[in-house]
Amino acid sequence: MTVDAIGAGLRSDAPGTIQATEPTRFDDFARWLDGELRTLDVELRGAENTLREFAVGEGRSIHHVMMALEKARLSLMLAVQVRNKALEAYQEIMRMQV
């Protein structure tokens, strides 16, 4: 069985055969994290577009622009904090003695 098969939630019963297994909690977390990062990307791009539209005179008021930028900034700060906590947890696990 290859590492790719293990990471993808696959199992191999006989040489040359790979069958899908039920999703693991890691798969669920990875799928959730991927979705959240995609949402963050959409939000950041939306705020950038709102600012660009305002700069060329096509957009809404400055209040809408500032709210979009602040929402994107807070979402990015949250994502960075989640990453920091995950990294701290990983480092703590690596320090554990077996």
Protein backbone atom coordinates (compact mmCIF):
# COMPACT_ATOMS: atom_id res chain seq x y z
CA MET A 1 0.00 0.00 0.00
CA THR A 2 1.41 3.40 -0.92
CA VAL A 3 1.49 6.52 1.23
CA ASP A 4 -0.82 8.20 -1.29
CA ALA A 5 -3.37 5.44 -0.82
CA ILE A 6 -3.20 5.78 2.95
CA GLY A 7 -3.60 9.57 2.86
CA ALA A 8 -6.53 9.33 0.47
CA GLY A 9 -8.48 6.95 2.71
CA LEU A 10 -7.88 3.96 0.44
CA ARG A 11 -6.98 0.41 1.29
CA SER A 12 -5.44 -2.39 -0.67
CA ASP A 13 -6.49 -6.01 -0.10
CA ALA A 14 -4.43 -7.60 -2.83
CA PRO A 15 -1.53 -6.44 -4.92
CA GLY A 16 -2.73 -4.09 -7.63
CA THR A 17 -6.18 -3.45 -6.11
CA ILE A 18 -7.13 -0.35 -4.20
CA GLN A 19 -10.60 0.17 -2.74
CA ALA A 20 -12.13 3.23 -1.16
CA THR A 21 -12.71 3.16 2.58
CA GLU A 22 -14.95 5.38 4.62
CA PRO A 23 -13.65 8.95 5.11
CA THR A 24 -11.54 9.49 8.19
CA ARG A 25 -11.72 12.42 10.56
CA PHE A 26 -8.58 13.75 8.89
CA ASP A 27 -10.41 13.78 5.56
CA ASP A 28 -13.30 15.69 7.14
CA PHE A 29 -10.97 18.23 8.72
CA ALA A 30 -8.97 18.63 5.51
CA ARG A 31 -12.18 19.13 3.52
CA TRP A 32 -13.44 21.68 6.07
CA LEU A 33 -10.13 23.55 6.09
CA ASP A 34 -10.01 23.61 2.29
CA GLY A 35 -13.52 25.03 2.17
CA GLU A 36 -12.72 27.72 4.73
CA LEU A 37 -9.56 28.75 2.88
CA ARG A 38 -11.51 28.97 -0.37
CA THR A 39 -14.11 31.14 1.39
CA LEU A 40 -11.34 33.37 2.73
CA ASP A 41 -9.89 33.70 -0.77
CA VAL A 42 -13.28 34.70 -2.19
CA GLU A 43 -13.73 37.24 0.59
CA LEU A 44 -10.29 38.77 0.04
CA ARG A 45 -10.83 38.98 -3.72
CA GLY A 46 -14.27 40.52 -3.15
CA ALA A 47 -12.82 43.21 -0.89
CA GLU A 48 -10.09 43.91 -3.45
CA ASN A 49 -12.69 44.24 -6.22
CA THR A 50 -14.82 46.54 -4.07
CA LEU A 51 -11.80 48.75 -3.46
CA ARG A 52 -10.87 48.73 -7.16
CA GLU A 53 -14.43 49.68 -8.15
CA PHE A 54 -14.44 52.51 -5.63
CA ALA A 55 -11.09 53.78 -6.91
CA VAL A 56 -12.38 54.09 -10.49
CA GLY A 57 -15.68 55.62 -9.36
CA GLU A 58 -17.96 52.66 -10.07
CA GLY A 59 -18.43 51.40 -6.54
CA ARG A 60 -20.53 52.22 -3.54
CA SER A 61 -19.73 54.58 -0.72
CA ILE A 62 -16.51 54.55 1.26
CA HIS A 63 -18.43 52.97 4.14
CA HIS A 64 -19.15 49.81 2.15
CA VAL A 65 -15.54 49.66 0.99
CA MET A 66 -14.19 50.01 4.52
CA MET A 67 -16.59 47.39 5.86
CA ALA A 68 -15.57 44.91 3.15
CA LEU A 69 -11.88 45.56 3.81
CA GLU A 70 -12.28 45.22 7.58
CA LYS A 71 -14.25 41.99 7.23
CA ALA A 72 -11.54 40.57 4.97
CA ARG A 73 -8.82 41.71 7.39
CA LEU A 74 -10.54 40.07 10.36
CA SER A 75 -11.08 36.84 8.42
CA LEU A 76 -7.41 36.77 7.46
CA MET A 77 -6.35 37.43 11.06
CA LEU A 78 -8.56 34.54 12.21
CA ALA A 79 -7.03 32.22 9.61
CA VAL A 80 -3.53 33.18 10.74
CA GLN A 81 -4.41 32.52 14.38
CA VAL A 82 -5.88 29.10 13.50
CA ARG A 83 -2.67 28.31 11.61
CA ASN A 84 -0.57 29.43 14.59
CA LYS A 85 -2.55 27.25 17.00
CA ALA A 86 -2.30 24.24 14.68
CA LEU A 87 1.45 24.78 14.36
CA GLU A 88 1.82 25.06 18.14
CA ALA A 89 -0.14 21.83 18.60
CA TYR A 90 2.04 20.06 16.02
CA GLN A 91 5.22 21.29 17.72
CA GLU A 92 3.92 20.17 21.11
CA ILE A 93 3.18 16.69 19.74
CA MET A 94 6.67 16.52 18.22
CA ARG A 95 8.20 17.37 21.63
CA MET A 96 6.40 14.48 23.34
CA GLN A 97 8.56 11.58 24.30
CA VAL A 98 7.38 8.14 23.30
